[in-house]
């Protein structure tokens, strides 16, 4: 199975692609989609860059599923709304490409990858590097996206089994999934 992880951001959106066979993880690609080519005040143009970039990733890497970070509430309401719009563009692009989309919080990803939810960016980068046996640490946005894919690779199978057995409640389960 191939998983596309997305760490949404209005200026920089990280992505990471992993192949999963059983419990083995294999790095495929990672990087960022940047919206700096559009005027900072032109929100629709920036959202289109994100949408098109996600669609291009789907076409290039042919993932079987996707995972996106759930937006946290920021101290700055305007920044939170802008981030939510970027996330919405990413999720809409994934759904328009007929990909199942799973969602995890940054806390859940950090717990799964680094062992605690308050891990610093550098700790996440180092653990992603170690878990995927990369020659160097990926940049922070790509590391978070890869961390989300790693989280889903491990937790997604368990969640799928719980759903199949009728034991997981979609609104109260630890991990939310949208299909």
C-alpha atoms as a PDB file:
ATOM      1  CA  UNK A   1       0.000   0.000   0.000  1.00  0.00           C
ATOM      2  CA  UNK A   2       1.217   3.509  -0.795  1.00  0.00           C
ATOM      3  CA  UNK A   3       0.366   6.378   1.578  1.00  0.00           C
ATOM      4  CA  UNK A   4       0.557  10.102   0.825  1.00  0.00           C
ATOM      5  CA  UNK A   5       0.995  12.257   3.943  1.00  0.00           C
ATOM      6  CA  UNK A   6       0.120  15.956   3.850  1.00  0.00           C
ATOM      7  CA  UNK A   7       1.120  18.634   6.390  1.00  0.00           C
ATOM      8  CA  UNK A   8      -1.005  21.592   5.222  1.00  0.00           C
ATOM      9  CA  UNK A   9       0.179  25.181   5.300  1.00  0.00           C
ATOM     10  CA  UNK A  10      -0.779  28.251   3.317  1.00  0.00           C
ATOM     11  CA  UNK A  11       2.808  29.182   2.425  1.00  0.00           C
ATOM     12  CA  UNK A  12       4.418  25.745   2.591  1.00  0.00           C
ATOM     13  CA  UNK A  13       2.620  22.386   2.508  1.00  0.00           C
ATOM     14  CA  UNK A  14       4.738  19.337   3.242  1.00  0.00           C
ATOM     15  CA  UNK A  15       4.218  15.976   1.581  1.00  0.00           C
ATOM     16  CA  UNK A  16       5.640  12.518   2.118  1.00  0.00           C
ATOM     17  CA  UNK A  17       5.073   9.250   0.289  1.00  0.00           C
ATOM     18  CA  UNK A  18       5.679   5.804   1.813  1.00  0.00           C
ATOM     19  CA  UNK A  19       5.195   2.249   0.652  1.00  0.00           C
ATOM     20  CA  UNK A  20       3.987  -0.157   3.336  1.00  0.00           C
ATOM     21  CA  UNK A  21       4.368  -3.937   3.198  1.00  0.00           C
ATOM     22  CA  UNK A  22       3.274  -5.552   6.447  1.00  0.00           C
ATOM     23  CA  UNK A  23       5.181  -3.629   9.092  1.00  0.00           C
ATOM     24  CA  UNK A  24       7.971  -2.590   6.702  1.00  0.00           C
ATOM     25  CA  UNK A  25       8.077   1.044   5.618  1.00  0.00           C
ATOM     26  CA  UNK A  26       9.884   2.240   2.496  1.00  0.00           C
ATOM     27  CA  UNK A  27      10.522   5.879   1.710  1.00  0.00           C
ATOM     28  CA  UNK A  28       9.387   6.934  -1.770  1.00  0.00           C
ATOM     29  CA  UNK A  29       9.487  10.742  -1.839  1.00  0.00           C
ATOM     30  CA  UNK A  30       9.002  13.912   0.160  1.00  0.00           C
ATOM     31  CA  UNK A  31       9.085  17.641  -0.342  1.00  0.00           C
ATOM     32  CA  UNK A  32       6.965  20.755  -0.233  1.00  0.00           C
ATOM     33  CA  UNK A  33       4.425  22.659  -2.262  1.00  0.00           C
ATOM     34  CA  UNK A  34       5.123  26.388  -1.966  1.00  0.00           C
ATOM     35  CA  UNK A  35       2.669  29.131  -2.809  1.00  0.00           C
ATOM     36  CA  UNK A  36       5.243  31.931  -2.938  1.00  0.00           C
ATOM     37  CA  UNK A  37       4.721  32.354  -6.695  1.00  0.00           C
ATOM     38  CA  UNK A  38       1.307  33.898  -5.958  1.00  0.00           C
ATOM     39  CA  UNK A  39       0.842  37.313  -4.404  1.00  0.00           C
ATOM     40  CA  UNK A  40       0.583  36.956  -0.615  1.00  0.00           C
ATOM     41  CA  UNK A  41      -2.785  38.763  -0.683  1.00  0.00           C
ATOM     42  CA  UNK A  42      -4.252  36.541  -3.408  1.00  0.00           C
ATOM     43  CA  UNK A  43      -5.724  33.728  -1.308  1.00  0.00           C
ATOM     44  CA  UNK A  44      -7.661  32.061  -4.161  1.00  0.00           C
ATOM     45  CA  UNK A  45      -4.475  31.787  -6.267  1.00  0.00           C
ATOM     46  CA  UNK A  46      -2.559  30.277  -3.368  1.00  0.00           C
ATOM     47  CA  UNK A  47      -5.338  27.745  -2.688  1.00  0.00           C
ATOM     48  CA  UNK A  48      -5.329  26.795  -6.386  1.00  0.00           C
ATOM     49  CA  UNK A  49      -1.566  26.164  -6.222  1.00  0.00           C
ATOM     50  CA  UNK A  50      -2.164  23.797  -3.293  1.00  0.00           C
ATOM     51  CA  UNK A  51      -5.069  22.050  -5.020  1.00  0.00           C
ATOM     52  CA  UNK A  52      -3.133  21.595  -8.258  1.00  0.00           C
ATOM     53  CA  UNK A  53      -0.006  20.492  -6.392  1.00  0.00           C
ATOM     54  CA  UNK A  54      -1.910  17.779  -4.517  1.00  0.00           C
ATOM     55  CA  UNK A  55      -3.491  16.571  -7.766  1.00  0.00           C
ATOM     56  CA  UNK A  56      -0.020  16.430  -9.350  1.00  0.00           C
ATOM     57  CA  UNK A  57       1.283  14.364  -6.405  1.00  0.00           C
ATOM     58  CA  UNK A  58      -1.608  11.925  -6.829  1.00  0.00           C
ATOM     59  CA  UNK A  59      -0.873  11.553 -10.547  1.00  0.00           C
ATOM     60  CA  UNK A  60       2.890  11.180 -10.035  1.00  0.00           C
ATOM     61  CA  UNK A  61       2.964   8.777  -7.059  1.00  0.00           C
ATOM     62  CA  UNK A  62      -0.377   6.936  -7.377  1.00  0.00           C
ATOM     63  CA  UNK A  63      -1.058   6.575  -3.618  1.00  0.00           C
ATOM     64  CA  UNK A  64      -3.734   4.200  -2.323  1.00  0.00           C
ATOM     65  CA  UNK A  65      -4.688   6.469   0.573  1.00  0.00           C
ATOM     66  CA  UNK A  66      -3.862   9.833   2.074  1.00  0.00           C
ATOM     67  CA  UNK A  67      -3.486  11.297   5.540  1.00  0.00           C
ATOM     68  CA  UNK A  68      -3.767  14.958   6.535  1.00  0.00           C
ATOM     69  CA  UNK A  69      -2.953  16.724   9.771  1.00  0.00           C
ATOM     70  CA  UNK A  70      -5.948  18.060  11.678  1.00  0.00           C
ATOM     71  CA  UNK A  71      -5.642  21.813  12.190  1.00  0.00           C
ATOM     72  CA  UNK A  72      -5.149  22.975  15.755  1.00  0.00           C
ATOM     73  CA  UNK A  73      -6.692  26.143  17.142  1.00  0.00           C
ATOM     74  CA  UNK A  74      -4.062  28.861  17.104  1.00  0.00           C
ATOM     75  CA  UNK A  75      -3.810  31.943  19.320  1.00  0.00           C
ATOM     76  CA  UNK A  76      -4.303  34.054  16.198  1.00  0.00           C
ATOM     77  CA  UNK A  77      -7.829  33.446  14.820  1.00  0.00           C
ATOM     78  CA  UNK A  78      -6.977  34.880  11.382  1.00  0.00           C
ATOM     79  CA  UNK A  79      -3.980  32.530  11.012  1.00  0.00           C
ATOM     80  CA  UNK A  80      -6.150  29.594  12.094  1.00  0.00           C
ATOM     81  CA  UNK A  81      -8.796  30.449   9.476  1.00  0.00           C
ATOM     82  CA  UNK A  82      -6.174  30.779   6.732  1.00  0.00           C
ATOM     83  CA  UNK A  83      -4.593  27.451   7.719  1.00  0.00           C
ATOM     84  CA  UNK A  84      -8.052  25.873   7.713  1.00  0.00           C
ATOM     85  CA  UNK A  85      -8.610  27.097   4.169  1.00  0.00           C
ATOM     86  CA  UNK A  86      -5.271  25.650   3.055  1.00  0.00           C
ATOM     87  CA  UNK A  87      -6.172  22.347   4.713  1.00  0.00           C
ATOM     88  CA  UNK A  88      -9.578  22.436   3.018  1.00  0.00           C
ATOM     89  CA  UNK A  89      -7.961  22.891  -0.390  1.00  0.00           C
ATOM     90  CA  UNK A  90      -5.686  19.905   0.286  1.00  0.00           C
ATOM     91  CA  UNK A  91      -8.501  17.633   1.524  1.00  0.00           C
ATOM     92  CA  UNK A  92     -10.744  18.662  -1.374  1.00  0.00           C
ATOM     93  CA  UNK A  93      -7.987  17.855  -3.875  1.00  0.00           C
ATOM     94  CA  UNK A  94      -7.436  14.430  -2.290  1.00  0.00           C
ATOM     95  CA  UNK A  95     -11.142  13.618  -2.268  1.00  0.00           C
ATOM     96  CA  UNK A  96     -11.524  14.835  -5.862  1.00  0.00           C
ATOM     97  CA  UNK A  97      -8.813  12.306  -6.769  1.00  0.00           C
ATOM     98  CA  UNK A  98     -10.936   9.561  -5.126  1.00  0.00           C
ATOM     99  CA  UNK A  99      -8.452   8.922  -2.335  1.00  0.00           C
ATOM    100  CA  UNK A 100      -9.594   7.803   1.116  1.00  0.00           C
ATOM    101  CA  UNK A 101      -8.431  10.434   3.612  1.00  0.00           C
ATOM    102  CA  UNK A 102      -7.423   9.752   7.218  1.00  0.00           C
ATOM    103  CA  UNK A 103      -6.824  12.515   9.745  1.00  0.00           C
ATOM    104  CA  UNK A 104      -4.549  12.732  12.785  1.00  0.00           C
ATOM    105  CA  UNK A 105      -3.593  15.574  15.080  1.00  0.00           C
ATOM    106  CA  UNK A 106       0.004  16.746  15.434  1.00  0.00           C
ATOM    107  CA  UNK A 107      -0.081  15.363  18.992  1.00  0.00           C
ATOM    108  CA  UNK A 108      -1.087  11.894  17.758  1.00  0.00           C
ATOM    109  CA  UNK A 109       1.634  11.940  15.089  1.00  0.00           C
ATOM    110  CA  UNK A 110       4.305  13.058  17.560  1.00  0.00           C
ATOM    111  CA  UNK A 111       3.257  10.358  20.028  1.00  0.00           C
ATOM    112  CA  UNK A 112       3.419   7.693  17.310  1.00  0.00           C
ATOM    113  CA  UNK A 113       6.736   8.826  15.827  1.00  0.00           C
ATOM    114  CA  UNK A 114       8.709  10.332  18.720  1.00  0.00           C
ATOM    115  CA  UNK A 115       7.040   8.705  21.715  1.00  0.00           C
ATOM    116  CA  UNK A 116       5.548  11.859  23.223  1.00  0.00           C
ATOM    117  CA  UNK A 117       3.119  14.512  22.029  1.00  0.00           C
ATOM    118  CA  UNK A 118       5.317  17.490  22.901  1.00  0.00           C
ATOM    119  CA  UNK A 119       8.217  16.452  20.673  1.00  0.00           C
ATOM    120  CA  UNK A 120      10.093  19.312  19.045  1.00  0.00           C
ATOM    121  CA  UNK A 121      10.326  19.603  15.253  1.00  0.00           C
ATOM    122  CA  UNK A 122      13.952  18.454  15.413  1.00  0.00           C
ATOM    123  CA  UNK A 123      12.956  15.311  17.331  1.00  0.00           C
ATOM    124  CA  UNK A 124      10.307  14.449  14.739  1.00  0.00           C
ATOM    125  CA  UNK A 125      12.827  15.021  11.941  1.00  0.00           C
ATOM    126  CA  UNK A 126      15.409  12.792  13.651  1.00  0.00           C
ATOM    127  CA  UNK A 127      12.925   9.984  14.313  1.00  0.00           C
ATOM    128  CA  UNK A 128      11.558  10.077  10.757  1.00  0.00           C
ATOM    129  CA  UNK A 129      15.140   9.909   9.491  1.00  0.00           C
ATOM    130  CA  UNK A 130      15.849   6.932  11.743  1.00  0.00           C
ATOM    131  CA  UNK A 131      12.591   5.054  11.081  1.00  0.00           C
ATOM    132  CA  UNK A 132      12.927   5.421   7.303  1.00  0.00           C
ATOM    133  CA  UNK A 133      16.725   4.985   7.290  1.00  0.00           C
ATOM    134  CA  UNK A 134      17.241   8.263   5.404  1.00  0.00           C
ATOM    135  CA  UNK A 135      20.759   9.644   4.846  1.00  0.00           C
ATOM    136  CA  UNK A 136      19.720  13.018   6.308  1.00  0.00           C
ATOM    137  CA  UNK A 137      16.782  14.549   8.125  1.00  0.00           C
ATOM    138  CA  UNK A 138      13.988  15.813   5.881  1.00  0.00           C
ATOM    139  CA  UNK A 139      12.989  19.459   6.202  1.00  0.00           C
ATOM    140  CA  UNK A 140      10.381  20.078   8.945  1.00  0.00           C
ATOM    141  CA  UNK A 141       7.237  20.239   6.760  1.00  0.00           C
ATOM    142  CA  UNK A 142       8.185  17.088   4.848  1.00  0.00           C
ATOM    143  CA  UNK A 143       9.150  15.321   8.102  1.00  0.00           C
ATOM    144  CA  UNK A 144       5.716  16.060   9.559  1.00  0.00           C
ATOM    145  CA  UNK A 145       4.035  14.716   6.408  1.00  0.00           C
ATOM    146  CA  UNK A 146       6.174  11.564   6.533  1.00  0.00           C
ATOM    147  CA  UNK A 147       5.370  11.282  10.250  1.00  0.00           C
ATOM    148  CA  UNK A 148       1.662  11.373   9.431  1.00  0.00           C
ATOM    149  CA  UNK A 149       2.143   8.633   6.838  1.00  0.00           C
ATOM    150  CA  UNK A 150       4.077   6.534   9.381  1.00  0.00           C
ATOM    151  CA  UNK A 151       1.321   7.068  11.945  1.00  0.00           C
ATOM    152  CA  UNK A 152      -1.311   5.962   9.473  1.00  0.00           C
ATOM    153  CA  UNK A 153       0.734   2.970   8.347  1.00  0.00           C
ATOM    154  CA  UNK A 154       0.672   1.645  11.904  1.00  0.00           C
ATOM    155  CA  UNK A 155      -2.635   2.930  13.283  1.00  0.00           C
ATOM    156  CA  UNK A 156      -4.663   2.680  10.086  1.00  0.00           C
ATOM    157  CA  UNK A 157      -4.613  -1.111  10.012  1.00  0.00           C
ATOM    158  CA  UNK A 158      -5.845  -1.284  13.595  1.00  0.00           C
ATOM    159  CA  UNK A 159      -8.573   1.286  12.936  1.00  0.00           C
ATOM    160  CA  UNK A 160      -9.680  -0.606   9.809  1.00  0.00           C
ATOM    161  CA  UNK A 161      -9.947  -3.838  11.831  1.00  0.00           C
ATOM    162  CA  UNK A 162     -11.958  -2.097  14.551  1.00  0.00           C
ATOM    163  CA  UNK A 163     -14.314  -0.597  11.964  1.00  0.00           C
ATOM    164  CA  UNK A 164     -14.709  -3.985  10.259  1.00  0.00           C
ATOM    165  CA  UNK A 165     -15.570  -5.555  13.616  1.00  0.00           C
ATOM    166  CA  UNK A 166     -17.995  -2.724  14.396  1.00  0.00           C
ATOM    167  CA  UNK A 167     -16.008  -1.788  17.498  1.00  0.00           C
ATOM    168  CA  UNK A 168     -14.912   1.725  16.556  1.00  0.00           C
ATOM    169  CA  UNK A 169     -17.299   4.639  16.836  1.00  0.00           C
ATOM    170  CA  UNK A 170     -16.472   7.186  14.144  1.00  0.00           C
ATOM    171  CA  UNK A 171     -17.223  10.244  16.275  1.00  0.00           C
ATOM    172  CA  UNK A 172     -15.454   9.039  19.413  1.00  0.00           C
ATOM    173  CA  UNK A 173     -12.573   7.010  18.036  1.00  0.00           C
ATOM    174  CA  UNK A 174      -9.057   8.194  18.749  1.00  0.00           C
ATOM    175  CA  UNK A 175      -8.352   8.580  15.045  1.00  0.00           C
ATOM    176  CA  UNK A 176     -10.923  10.117  12.712  1.00  0.00           C
ATOM    177  CA  UNK A 177     -11.227   8.915   9.155  1.00  0.00           C
ATOM    178  CA  UNK A 178     -13.118  10.325   6.210  1.00  0.00           C
ATOM    179  CA  UNK A 179     -13.900   8.390   3.071  1.00  0.00           C
END
